[in-house]
Amino acid sequence: MSLAPFVQKLVQLVVMEPEIVTVREARDRGTQVYNVTVSPNDVGRVIGKDGRVVGCIRQLVSAAGSKGNLRTVVKVVTD
């Protein structure tokens, strides 16, 4: 069960440049890791004040993953 399209849609709703959003999926020790790359101008919007926005995204992805007994991690990749 891949949640990459779900993660991508969530992030696209937050950013100003949704066409640049990419999500790479990896597997690490039984955990699905979603590496999200956005425009440098949108990193702050995705992270949010005190990490609240990315925290909410992680919570939604975790809840969706728990339906399929998946452990998930969402990481925002910065350059």
PDB file of N, CA and C in Angstrom:
ATOM      1  N   MET A   1       0.848  -1.184   0.000  1.00  0.00           N
ATOM      2  CA  MET A   1       0.000   0.000   0.000  1.00  0.00           C
ATOM      3  C   MET A   1       0.888   1.240   0.000  1.00  0.00           C
ATOM      4  N   SER A   2       0.809   2.023  -1.040  1.00  0.00           N
ATOM      5  CA  SER A   2       1.620   3.226  -1.152  1.00  0.00           C
ATOM      6  C   SER A   2       0.792   4.466  -0.817  1.00  0.00           C
ATOM      7  N   LEU A   3       1.328   5.257   0.070  1.00  0.00           N
ATOM      8  CA  LEU A   3       0.665   6.501   0.452  1.00  0.00           C
ATOM      9  C   LEU A   3       1.317   7.720  -0.207  1.00  0.00           C
ATOM     10  N   ALA A   4       2.238   7.492  -1.137  1.00  0.00           N
ATOM     11  CA  ALA A   4       2.951   8.596  -1.782  1.00  0.00           C
ATOM     12  C   ALA A   4       2.010   9.592  -2.468  1.00  0.00           C
ATOM     13  N   PRO A   5       0.997   9.148  -3.213  1.00  0.00           N
ATOM     14  CA  PRO A   5       0.076  10.129  -3.820  1.00  0.00           C
ATOM     15  C   PRO A   5      -0.674  10.948  -2.771  1.00  0.00           C
ATOM     16  N   PHE A   6      -1.033  10.319  -1.657  1.00  0.00           N
ATOM     17  CA  PHE A   6      -1.718  11.014  -0.565  1.00  0.00           C
ATOM     18  C   PHE A   6      -0.811  12.081   0.041  1.00  0.00           C
ATOM     19  N   VAL A   7       0.457  11.715   0.290  1.00  0.00           N
ATOM     20  CA  VAL A   7       1.426  12.663   0.849  1.00  0.00           C
ATOM     21  C   VAL A   7       1.628  13.822  -0.121  1.00  0.00           C
ATOM     22  N   GLN A   8       1.778  13.513  -1.401  1.00  0.00           N
ATOM     23  CA  GLN A   8       1.993  14.551  -2.402  1.00  0.00           C
ATOM     24  C   GLN A   8       0.819  15.526  -2.457  1.00  0.00           C
ATOM     25  N   LYS A   9      -0.391  15.015  -2.412  1.00  0.00           N
ATOM     26  CA  LYS A   9      -1.573  15.876  -2.471  1.00  0.00           C
ATOM     27  C   LYS A   9      -1.658  16.769  -1.234  1.00  0.00           C
ATOM     28  N   LEU A  10      -1.361  16.223  -0.059  1.00  0.00           N
ATOM     29  CA  LEU A  10      -1.382  17.016   1.173  1.00  0.00           C
ATOM     30  C   LEU A  10      -0.393  18.178   1.096  1.00  0.00           C
ATOM     31  N   VAL A  11       0.807  17.889   0.632  1.00  0.00           N
ATOM     32  CA  VAL A  11       1.841  18.929   0.548  1.00  0.00           C
ATOM     33  C   VAL A  11       1.487  19.947  -0.527  1.00  0.00           C
ATOM     34  N   GLN A  12       0.947  19.496  -1.647  1.00  0.00           N
ATOM     35  CA  GLN A  12       0.575  20.423  -2.722  1.00  0.00           C
ATOM     36  C   GLN A  12      -0.481  21.422  -2.279  1.00  0.00           C
ATOM     37  N   LEU A  13      -1.335  21.030  -1.356  1.00  0.00           N
ATOM     38  CA  LEU A  13      -2.365  21.935  -0.861  1.00  0.00           C
ATOM     39  C   LEU A  13      -1.794  23.061  -0.004  1.00  0.00           C
ATOM     40  N   VAL A  14      -0.579  22.881   0.498  1.00  0.00           N
ATOM     41  CA  VAL A  14       0.034  23.852   1.405  1.00  0.00           C
ATOM     42  C   VAL A  14       0.948  24.836   0.674  1.00  0.00           C
ATOM     43  N   VAL A  15       1.626  24.400  -0.366  1.00  0.00           N
ATOM     44  CA  VAL A  15       2.679  25.194  -0.997  1.00  0.00           C
ATOM     45  C   VAL A  15       2.145  26.152  -2.060  1.00  0.00           C
ATOM     46  N   MET A  16       3.004  27.105  -2.445  1.00  0.00           N
ATOM     47  CA  MET A  16       2.655  28.069  -3.488  1.00  0.00           C
ATOM     48  C   MET A  16       2.999  27.539  -4.888  1.00  0.00           C
ATOM     49  N   GLU A  17       3.952  26.596  -4.969  1.00  0.00           N
ATOM     50  CA  GLU A  17       4.362  26.016  -6.249  1.00  0.00           C
ATOM     51  C   GLU A  17       4.125  24.501  -6.225  1.00  0.00           C
ATOM     52  N   PRO A  18       2.871  24.063  -6.378  1.00  0.00           N
ATOM     53  CA  PRO A  18       2.563  22.633  -6.243  1.00  0.00           C
ATOM     54  C   PRO A  18       3.158  21.744  -7.333  1.00  0.00           C
ATOM     55  N   GLU A  19       3.480  22.320  -8.483  1.00  0.00           N
ATOM     56  CA  GLU A  19       4.030  21.510  -9.572  1.00  0.00           C
ATOM     57  C   GLU A  19       5.454  21.030  -9.288  1.00  0.00           C
ATOM     58  N   ILE A  20       6.132  21.636  -8.324  1.00  0.00           N
ATOM     59  CA  ILE A  20       7.516  21.270  -8.003  1.00  0.00           C
ATOM     60  C   ILE A  20       7.589  20.174  -6.939  1.00  0.00           C
ATOM     61  N   VAL A  21       6.503  19.888  -6.269  1.00  0.00           N
ATOM     62  CA  VAL A  21       6.503  18.911  -5.171  1.00  0.00           C
ATOM     63  C   VAL A  21       6.784  17.508  -5.702  1.00  0.00           C
ATOM     64  N   THR A  22       7.765  16.835  -5.090  1.00  0.00           N
ATOM     65  CA  THR A  22       8.050  15.440  -5.416  1.00  0.00           C
ATOM     66  C   THR A  22       8.115  14.648  -4.111  1.00  0.00           C
ATOM     67  N   VAL A  23       7.665  13.425  -4.179  1.00  0.00           N
ATOM     68  CA  VAL A  23       7.694  12.534  -3.018  1.00  0.00           C
ATOM     69  C   VAL A  23       8.392  11.247  -3.435  1.00  0.00           C
ATOM     70  N   ARG A  24       9.467  10.916  -2.731  1.00  0.00           N
ATOM     71  CA  ARG A  24      10.179   9.664  -2.976  1.00  0.00           C
ATOM     72  C   ARG A  24       9.889   8.726  -1.810  1.00  0.00           C
ATOM     73  N   GLU A  25       9.580   7.509  -2.147  1.00  0.00           N
ATOM     74  CA  GLU A  25       9.215   6.505  -1.138  1.00  0.00           C
ATOM     75  C   GLU A  25      10.369   5.531  -0.962  1.00  0.00           C
ATOM     76  N   ALA A  26      10.689   5.220   0.285  1.00  0.00           N
ATOM     77  CA  ALA A  26      11.754   4.263   0.581  1.00  0.00           C
ATOM     78  C   ALA A  26      11.300   3.379   1.733  1.00  0.00           C
ATOM     79  N   ARG A  27      11.957   2.267   1.878  1.00  0.00           N
ATOM     80  CA  ARG A  27      11.645   1.331   2.958  1.00  0.00           C
ATOM     81  C   ARG A  27      12.891   1.195   3.827  1.00  0.00           C
ATOM     82  N   ASP A  28      12.728   1.355   5.136  1.00  0.00           N
ATOM     83  CA  ASP A  28      13.860   1.260   6.050  1.00  0.00           C
ATOM     84  C   ASP A  28      13.420   0.540   7.320  1.00  0.00           C
ATOM     85  N   ARG A  29      13.905  -0.689   7.485  1.00  0.00           N
ATOM     86  CA  ARG A  29      13.619  -1.488   8.681  1.00  0.00           C
ATOM     87  C   ARG A  29      12.129  -1.592   8.986  1.00  0.00           C
ATOM     88  N   GLY A  30      11.339  -1.896   7.982  1.00  0.00           N
ATOM     89  CA  GLY A  30       9.915  -2.074   8.188  1.00  0.00           C
ATOM     90  C   GLY A  30       9.104  -0.791   8.250  1.00  0.00           C
ATOM     91  N   THR A  31       9.725   0.330   7.950  1.00  0.00           N
ATOM     92  CA  THR A  31       9.053   1.627   7.993  1.00  0.00           C
ATOM     93  C   THR A  31       9.029   2.233   6.598  1.00  0.00           C
ATOM     94  N   GLN A  32       7.874   2.754   6.202  1.00  0.00           N
ATOM     95  CA  GLN A  32       7.767   3.489   4.947  1.00  0.00           C
ATOM     96  C   GLN A  32       8.237   4.917   5.194  1.00  0.00           C
ATOM     97  N   VAL A  33       9.248   5.349   4.456  1.00  0.00           N
ATOM     98  CA  VAL A  33       9.783   6.701   4.586  1.00  0.00           C
ATOM     99  C   VAL A  33       9.416   7.484   3.333  1.00  0.00           C
ATOM    100  N   TYR A  34       8.806   8.642   3.536  1.00  0.00           N
ATOM    101  CA  TYR A  34       8.418   9.513   2.428  1.00  0.00           C
ATOM    102  C   TYR A  34       9.266  10.776   2.496  1.00  0.00           C
ATOM    103  N   ASN A  35      10.173  10.930   1.528  1.00  0.00           N
ATOM    104  CA  ASN A  35      11.035  12.106   1.444  1.00  0.00           C
ATOM    105  C   ASN A  35      10.377  13.114   0.513  1.00  0.00           C
ATOM    106  N   VAL A  36       9.991  14.259   1.073  1.00  0.00           N
ATOM    107  CA  VAL A  36       9.268  15.284   0.329  1.00  0.00           C
ATOM    108  C   VAL A  36      10.232  16.402  -0.043  1.00  0.00           C
ATOM    109  N   THR A  37      10.266  16.730  -1.324  1.00  0.00           N
ATOM    110  CA  THR A  37      11.090  17.829  -1.816  1.00  0.00           C
ATOM    111  C   THR A  37      10.163  18.908  -2.358  1.00  0.00           C
ATOM    112  N   VAL A  38      10.389  20.145  -1.921  1.00  0.00           N
ATOM    113  CA  VAL A  38       9.588  21.282  -2.377  1.00  0.00           C
ATOM    114  C   VAL A  38      10.524  22.399  -2.806  1.00  0.00           C
ATOM    115  N   SER A  39       9.957  23.439  -3.365  1.00  0.00           N
ATOM    116  CA  SER A  39      10.721  24.617  -3.744  1.00  0.00           C
ATOM    117  C   SER A  39      11.364  25.229  -2.491  1.00  0.00           C
ATOM    118  N   PRO A  40      12.564  25.792  -2.615  1.00  0.00           N
ATOM    119  CA  PRO A  40      13.194  26.429  -1.446  1.00  0.00           C
ATOM    120  C   PRO A  40      12.332  27.513  -0.806  1.00  0.00           C
ATOM    121  N   ASN A  41      11.498  28.164  -1.594  1.00  0.00           N
ATOM    122  CA  ASN A  41      10.613  29.198  -1.062  1.00  0.00           C
ATOM    123  C   ASN A  41       9.466  28.618  -0.242  1.00  0.00           C
ATOM    124  N   ASP A  42       9.157  27.343  -0.444  1.00  0.00           N
ATOM    125  CA  ASP A  42       8.017  26.714   0.211  1.00  0.00           C
ATOM    126  C   ASP A  42       8.378  25.871   1.436  1.00  0.00           C
ATOM    127  N   VAL A  43       9.650  25.733   1.728  1.00  0.00           N
ATOM    128  CA  VAL A  43      10.063  24.898   2.860  1.00  0.00           C
ATOM    129  C   VAL A  43       9.435  25.401   4.158  1.00  0.00           C
ATOM    130  N   GLY A  44       9.461  26.692   4.369  1.00  0.00           N
ATOM    131  CA  GLY A  44       8.879  27.268   5.580  1.00  0.00           C
ATOM    132  C   GLY A  44       7.384  27.043   5.678  1.00  0.00           C
ATOM    133  N   ARG A  45       6.700  27.064   4.542  1.00  0.00           N
ATOM    134  CA  ARG A  45       5.251  26.841   4.543  1.00  0.00           C
ATOM    135  C   ARG A  45       4.930  25.395   4.907  1.00  0.00           C
ATOM    136  N   VAL A  46       5.757  24.461   4.447  1.00  0.00           N
ATOM    137  CA  VAL A  46       5.516  23.049   4.738  1.00  0.00           C
ATOM    138  C   VAL A  46       5.826  22.743   6.203  1.00  0.00           C
ATOM    139  N   ILE A  47       6.897  23.315   6.716  1.00  0.00           N
ATOM    140  CA  ILE A  47       7.259  23.061   8.110  1.00  0.00           C
ATOM    141  C   ILE A  47       6.292  23.781   9.039  1.00  0.00           C
ATOM    142  N   GLY A  48       5.992  25.021   8.753  1.00  0.00           N
ATOM    143  CA  GLY A  48       5.048  25.774   9.568  1.00  0.00           C
ATOM    144  C   GLY A  48       5.660  26.286  10.857  1.00  0.00           C
ATOM    145  N   LYS A  49       4.909  27.091  11.569  1.00  0.00           N
ATOM    146  CA  LYS A  49       5.381  27.665  12.824  1.00  0.00           C
ATOM    147  C   LYS A  49       5.514  26.557  13.867  1.00  0.00           C
ATOM    148  N   ASP A  50       6.706  26.443  14.420  1.00  0.00           N
ATOM    149  CA  ASP A  50       7.026  25.405  15.414  1.00  0.00           C
ATOM    150  C   ASP A  50       6.775  23.998  14.882  1.00  0.00           C
ATOM    151  N   GLY A  51       6.796  23.798  13.562  1.00  0.00           N
ATOM    152  CA  GLY A  51       6.618  22.472  12.970  1.00  0.00           C
ATOM    153  C   GLY A  51       5.197  21.957  12.998  1.00  0.00           C
ATOM    154  N   ARG A  52       4.253  22.850  13.138  1.00  0.00           N
ATOM    155  CA  ARG A  52       2.854  22.421  13.265  1.00  0.00           C
ATOM    156  C   ARG A  52       2.292  21.828  11.972  1.00  0.00           C
ATOM    157  N   VAL A  53       2.608  22.436  10.832  1.00  0.00           N
ATOM    158  CA  VAL A  53       2.043  21.952   9.561  1.00  0.00           C
ATOM    159  C   VAL A  53       2.584  20.565   9.242  1.00  0.00           C
ATOM    160  N   VAL A  54       3.907  20.407   9.300  1.00  0.00           N
ATOM    161  CA  VAL A  54       4.480  19.095   8.999  1.00  0.00           C
ATOM    162  C   VAL A  54       4.051  18.079  10.055  1.00  0.00           C
ATOM    163  N   GLY A  55       3.826  18.513  11.267  1.00  0.00           N
ATOM    164  CA  GLY A  55       3.328  17.619  12.308  1.00  0.00           C
ATOM    165  C   GLY A  55       1.942  17.089  11.972  1.00  0.00           C
ATOM    166  N   CYS A  56       1.090  17.960  11.465  1.00  0.00           N
ATOM    167  CA  CYS A  56      -0.254  17.547  11.062  1.00  0.00           C
ATOM    168  C   CYS A  56      -0.210  16.596   9.863  1.00  0.00           C
ATOM    169  N   ILE A  57       0.667  16.888   8.905  1.00  0.00           N
ATOM    170  CA  ILE A  57       0.821  16.003   7.746  1.00  0.00           C
ATOM    171  C   ILE A  57       1.279  14.631   8.212  1.00  0.00           C
ATOM    172  N   ARG A  58       2.259  14.594   9.107  1.00  0.00           N
ATOM    173  CA  ARG A  58       2.751  13.316   9.634  1.00  0.00           C
ATOM    174  C   ARG A  58       1.647  12.549  10.354  1.00  0.00           C
ATOM    175  N   GLN A  59       0.819  13.260  11.096  1.00  0.00           N
ATOM    176  CA  GLN A  59      -0.266  12.619  11.834  1.00  0.00           C
ATOM    177  C   GLN A  59      -1.292  11.995  10.878  1.00  0.00           C
ATOM    178  N   LEU A  60      -1.641  12.716   9.811  1.00  0.00           N
ATOM    179  CA  LEU A  60      -2.588  12.185   8.828  1.00  0.00           C
ATOM    180  C   LEU A  60      -2.030  10.970   8.099  1.00  0.00           C
ATOM    181  N   VAL A  61      -0.760  11.039   7.716  1.00  0.00           N
ATOM    182  CA  VAL A  61      -0.135   9.921   7.007  1.00  0.00           C
ATOM    183  C   VAL A  61      -0.007   8.715   7.936  1.00  0.00           C
ATOM    184  N   SER A  62       0.325   8.960   9.189  1.00  0.00           N
ATOM    185  CA  SER A  62       0.421   7.876  10.161  1.00  0.00           C
ATOM    186  C   SER A  62      -0.928   7.195  10.357  1.00  0.00           C
ATOM    187  N   ALA A  63      -1.987   7.979  10.441  1.00  0.00           N
ATOM    188  CA  ALA A  63      -3.331   7.416  10.607  1.00  0.00           C
ATOM    189  C   ALA A  63      -3.736   6.592   9.386  1.00  0.00           C
ATOM    190  N   ALA A  64      -3.436   7.097   8.196  1.00  0.00           N
ATOM    191  CA  ALA A  64      -3.758   6.355   6.977  1.00  0.00           C
ATOM    192  C   ALA A  64      -2.927   5.077   6.890  1.00  0.00           C
ATOM    193  N   GLY A  65      -1.672   5.147   7.293  1.00  0.00           N
ATOM    194  CA  GLY A  65      -0.805   3.976   7.270  1.00  0.00           C
ATOM    195  C   GLY A  65      -1.207   2.920   8.271  1.00  0.00           C
ATOM    196  N   SER A  66      -1.748   3.343   9.393  1.00  0.00           N
ATOM    197  CA  SER A  66      -2.138   2.380  10.421  1.00  0.00           C
ATOM    198  C   SER A  66      -3.281   1.489   9.958  1.00  0.00           C
ATOM    199  N   LYS A  67      -4.058   1.951   9.007  1.00  0.00           N
ATOM    200  CA  LYS A  67      -5.123   1.123   8.440  1.00  0.00           C
ATOM    201  C   LYS A  67      -4.551  -0.127   7.767  1.00  0.00           C
ATOM    202  N   GLY A  68      -3.350   0.010   7.191  1.00  0.00           N
ATOM    203  CA  GLY A  68      -2.692  -1.114   6.538  1.00  0.00           C
ATOM    204  C   GLY A  68      -1.547  -1.669   7.344  1.00  0.00           C
ATOM    205  N   ASN A  69      -1.535  -1.395   8.639  1.00  0.00           N
ATOM    206  CA  ASN A  69      -0.463  -1.839   9.546  1.00  0.00           C
ATOM    207  C   ASN A  69       0.917  -1.392   9.075  1.00  0.00           C
ATOM    208  N   LEU A  70       1.017  -0.153   8.605  1.00  0.00           N
ATOM    209  CA  LEU A  70       2.286   0.419   8.168  1.00  0.00           C
ATOM    210  C   LEU A  70       2.774   1.446   9.173  1.00  0.00           C
ATOM    211  N   ARG A  71       4.063   1.447   9.404  1.00  0.00           N
ATOM    212  CA  ARG A  71       4.686   2.509  10.190  1.00  0.00           C
ATOM    213  C   ARG A  71       5.248   3.493   9.177  1.00  0.00           C
ATOM    214  N   THR A  72       4.935   4.776   9.339  1.00  0.00           N
ATOM    215  CA  THR A  72       5.327   5.763   8.337  1.00  0.00           C
ATOM    216  C   THR A  72       6.132   6.898   8.947  1.00  0.00           C
ATOM    217  N   VAL A  73       6.990   7.483   8.113  1.00  0.00           N
ATOM    218  CA  VAL A  73       7.770   8.664   8.482  1.00  0.00           C
ATOM    219  C   VAL A  73       7.738   9.612   7.294  1.00  0.00           C
ATOM    220  N   VAL A  74       7.480  10.890   7.547  1.00  0.00           N
ATOM    221  CA  VAL A  74       7.508  11.906   6.504  1.00  0.00           C
ATOM    222  C   VAL A  74       8.655  12.860   6.820  1.00  0.00           C
ATOM    223  N   LYS A  75       9.575  13.006   5.852  1.00  0.00           N
ATOM    224  CA  LYS A  75      10.717  13.899   6.022  1.00  0.00           C
ATOM    225  C   LYS A  75      10.688  14.975   4.932  1.00  0.00           C
ATOM    226  N   VAL A  76      10.977  16.200   5.331  1.00  0.00           N
ATOM    227  CA  VAL A  76      11.076  17.299   4.366  1.00  0.00           C
ATOM    228  C   VAL A  76      12.553  17.449   4.024  1.00  0.00           C
ATOM    229  N   VAL A  77      12.894  17.245   2.768  1.00  0.00           N
ATOM    230  CA  VAL A  77      14.278  17.326   2.309  1.00  0.00           C
ATOM    231  C   VAL A  77      14.608  18.774   1.979  1.00  0.00           C
ATOM    232  N   THR A  78      15.658  19.307   2.593  1.00  0.00           N
ATOM    233  CA  THR A  78      16.106  20.675   2.291  1.00  0.00           C
ATOM    234  C   THR A  78      17.495  20.607   1.693  1.00  0.00           C
ATOM    235  N   ASP A  79      17.764  21.521   0.790  1.00  0.00           N
ATOM    236  CA  ASP A  79      19.097  21.564   0.139  1.00  0.00           C
ATOM    237  C   ASP A  79      19.971  22.602   0.780  1.00  0.00           C
TER     238      ASP A  79
END
